[in-house]
Amino acid sequence: MRRLLTRLWRLLRPVQSRVMWLVNAKFVVGVTGVVRDGEGRVLMLKHRMWAPGRQWGLPSGFAHKGEDFRQTVVREVKEETGLDVEVGRLVMLNSGLRTRLEVAFEARLLGGELRLDPFEILEARWCRPDDLPDDVQPVCRPLVRGETAP
């Protein structure tokens, strides 16, 4: 039986990627940046589209097809705030969600002028890690403290 399946799989070589796409999970990748300035403060954003009572969080967005996740951080921070960042190490990888994979990276402020995207962002604050807004997304606190999340 194994030989038969191997043979069949080899015959399907021209369409293997399509078969794999059909039988495997489909998901999007949410990417977050833990952006720090030279004083150790963290960039927090109040997101317009997020649920009331949980609108504060870190800069984030979805990766474009084929986009390197580090580049997603750079792009999202620029789009949401106008700021330029340098991306550091991976601090979170969460694959336990049904239709989404979440990743987070440390990032360092390089410069730029703060210009919020009014469609997505209501407000921005540079916060000390021990002084985050009350209604911050739960996943943010451990990331800001430098703890890796699940």
Protein backbone atom coordinates (compact mmCIF):
# COMPACT_ATOMS: atom_id res chain seq x y z
CA MET A 1 0.00 0.00 0.00
CA ARG A 2 2.85 2.36 0.86
CA ARG A 3 4.45 1.80 -2.54
CA LEU A 4 1.18 2.52 -4.29
CA LEU A 5 0.75 5.79 -2.40
CA THR A 6 4.35 6.77 -3.13
CA ARG A 7 3.86 6.08 -6.82
CA LEU A 8 0.61 8.01 -6.91
CA TRP A 9 2.22 10.96 -5.13
CA ARG A 10 5.07 11.00 -7.64
CA LEU A 11 2.60 10.95 -10.53
CA LEU A 12 0.93 13.98 -9.00
CA ARG A 13 4.18 15.96 -8.89
CA PRO A 14 2.91 18.67 -11.30
CA VAL A 15 -0.05 19.40 -9.00
CA GLN A 16 1.39 18.48 -5.61
CA SER A 17 1.40 22.05 -4.32
CA ARG A 18 -2.30 22.46 -5.17
CA VAL A 19 -3.16 19.17 -3.47
CA MET A 20 -1.22 20.25 -0.37
CA TRP A 21 -3.02 23.60 -0.39
CA LEU A 22 -6.42 21.86 -0.54
CA VAL A 23 -5.78 19.41 2.30
CA ASN A 24 -3.93 21.68 4.75
CA ALA A 25 -5.04 24.49 7.02
CA LYS A 26 -5.44 28.03 5.68
CA PHE A 27 -4.53 30.88 7.97
CA VAL A 28 -3.33 34.47 8.14
CA VAL A 29 -0.26 35.67 10.02
CA GLY A 30 -0.68 38.49 12.52
CA VAL A 31 2.59 40.30 13.20
CA THR A 32 3.31 42.57 16.18
CA GLY A 33 6.18 44.92 16.96
CA VAL A 34 7.30 45.69 20.51
CA VAL A 35 8.79 49.09 19.63
CA ARG A 36 11.08 50.73 22.21
CA ASP A 37 12.62 54.18 22.14
CA GLY A 38 16.03 55.20 23.51
CA GLU A 39 14.56 55.65 27.00
CA GLY A 40 13.15 52.12 27.16
CA ARG A 41 9.56 53.24 26.68
CA VAL A 42 7.21 51.17 24.54
CA LEU A 43 5.00 52.48 21.75
CA MET A 44 1.34 51.79 22.56
CA LEU A 45 -1.46 52.47 20.08
CA LYS A 46 -5.19 52.84 20.60
CA HIS A 47 -6.68 50.90 17.68
CA ARG A 48 -9.98 52.12 16.20
CA MET A 49 -11.15 48.69 15.00
CA TRP A 50 -10.44 46.74 18.19
CA ALA A 51 -13.12 45.88 20.74
CA PRO A 52 -14.03 48.60 23.25
CA GLY A 53 -12.23 48.07 26.54
CA ARG A 54 -9.34 46.35 24.74
CA GLN A 55 -8.31 48.98 22.19
CA TRP A 56 -4.77 49.63 23.43
CA GLY A 57 -2.05 47.44 22.04
CA LEU A 58 1.21 47.26 20.18
CA PRO A 59 1.64 48.12 16.50
CA SER A 60 0.40 45.13 14.53
CA GLY A 61 -1.11 43.92 11.29
CA PHE A 62 -1.29 41.03 8.89
CA ALA A 63 1.59 39.87 6.72
CA HIS A 64 1.12 40.14 2.98
CA LYS A 65 1.50 36.97 0.95
CA GLY A 66 5.23 36.19 0.61
CA GLU A 67 6.28 39.03 2.93
CA ASP A 68 9.06 38.47 5.46
CA PHE A 69 7.54 38.93 8.93
CA ARG A 70 10.26 41.38 9.97
CA GLN A 71 9.36 43.51 6.97
CA THR A 72 5.72 43.33 8.09
CA VAL A 73 6.71 44.99 11.38
CA VAL A 74 8.57 47.76 9.53
CA ARG A 75 5.64 48.30 7.14
CA GLU A 76 2.91 48.25 9.79
CA VAL A 77 4.72 50.64 12.14
CA LYS A 78 5.33 53.01 9.22
CA GLU A 79 1.72 52.80 8.00
CA GLU A 80 0.16 53.23 11.44
CA THR A 81 2.53 55.84 12.89
CA GLY A 82 4.95 57.21 10.29
CA LEU A 83 7.88 55.99 12.41
CA ASP A 84 10.90 54.00 11.23
CA VAL A 85 12.08 50.97 13.18
CA GLU A 86 14.79 48.35 13.14
CA VAL A 87 13.47 44.87 13.89
CA GLY A 88 15.22 42.66 16.43
CA ARG A 89 14.63 39.18 17.76
CA LEU A 90 11.48 37.07 17.64
CA VAL A 91 9.75 37.19 21.04
CA MET A 92 6.50 35.30 20.39
CA LEU A 93 5.19 32.58 18.14
CA ASN A 94 1.64 31.40 18.78
CA SER A 95 0.31 28.73 16.46
CA GLY A 96 -2.53 27.49 18.66
CA LEU A 97 -5.20 29.59 16.99
CA ARG A 98 -7.69 28.20 14.50
CA THR A 99 -7.19 30.50 11.52
CA ARG A 100 -4.28 32.69 12.55
CA LEU A 101 -0.62 32.43 13.44
CA GLU A 102 0.72 35.24 15.64
CA VAL A 103 4.32 36.38 15.78
CA ALA A 104 5.94 39.28 17.62
CA PHE A 105 9.35 40.89 17.30
CA GLU A 106 11.28 43.39 19.34
CA ALA A 107 11.91 46.63 17.44
CA ARG A 108 13.95 49.77 18.06
CA LEU A 109 12.87 53.27 17.08
CA LEU A 110 15.15 54.75 14.43
CA GLY A 111 13.30 57.98 13.72
CA GLY A 112 10.56 59.43 11.60
CA GLU A 113 7.77 61.83 12.42
CA LEU A 114 4.75 60.60 14.38
CA ARG A 115 1.78 60.79 11.99
CA LEU A 116 -1.09 58.51 12.96
CA ASP A 117 -3.24 56.76 10.38
CA PRO A 118 -6.65 58.12 11.48
CA PHE A 119 -8.49 55.22 9.86
CA GLU A 120 -6.77 52.66 12.11
CA ILE A 121 -5.23 54.50 15.06
CA LEU A 122 -6.93 56.87 17.51
CA GLU A 123 -3.97 57.70 19.75
CA ALA A 124 -0.32 56.84 20.40
CA ARG A 125 1.65 56.93 23.64
CA TRP A 126 5.19 56.13 24.69
CA CYS A 127 4.72 54.18 27.94
CA ARG A 128 7.03 52.88 30.60
CA PRO A 129 6.66 49.08 30.86
CA ASP A 130 5.12 49.43 34.34
CA ASP A 131 2.64 52.12 33.25
CA LEU A 132 0.60 50.69 30.36
CA PRO A 133 -2.99 51.78 29.68
CA ASP A 134 -5.59 49.89 31.73
CA ASP A 135 -7.44 48.50 28.71
CA VAL A 136 -4.41 47.02 27.00
CA GLN A 137 -4.65 43.69 25.16
CA PRO A 138 -3.68 40.90 27.63
CA VAL A 139 -0.88 39.52 25.42
CA CYS A 140 0.91 42.90 25.49
CA ARG A 141 1.95 42.97 29.15
CA PRO A 142 4.29 39.95 29.04
CA LEU A 143 5.74 41.09 25.71
CA VAL A 144 6.44 44.58 27.08
CA ARG A 145 8.05 43.07 30.20
CA GLY A 146 10.38 41.14 27.91
CA GLU A 147 8.80 37.78 28.61
CA THR A 148 8.24 35.49 25.69
CA ALA A 149 4.60 34.55 25.24
CA PRO A 150 3.24 31.13 24.19
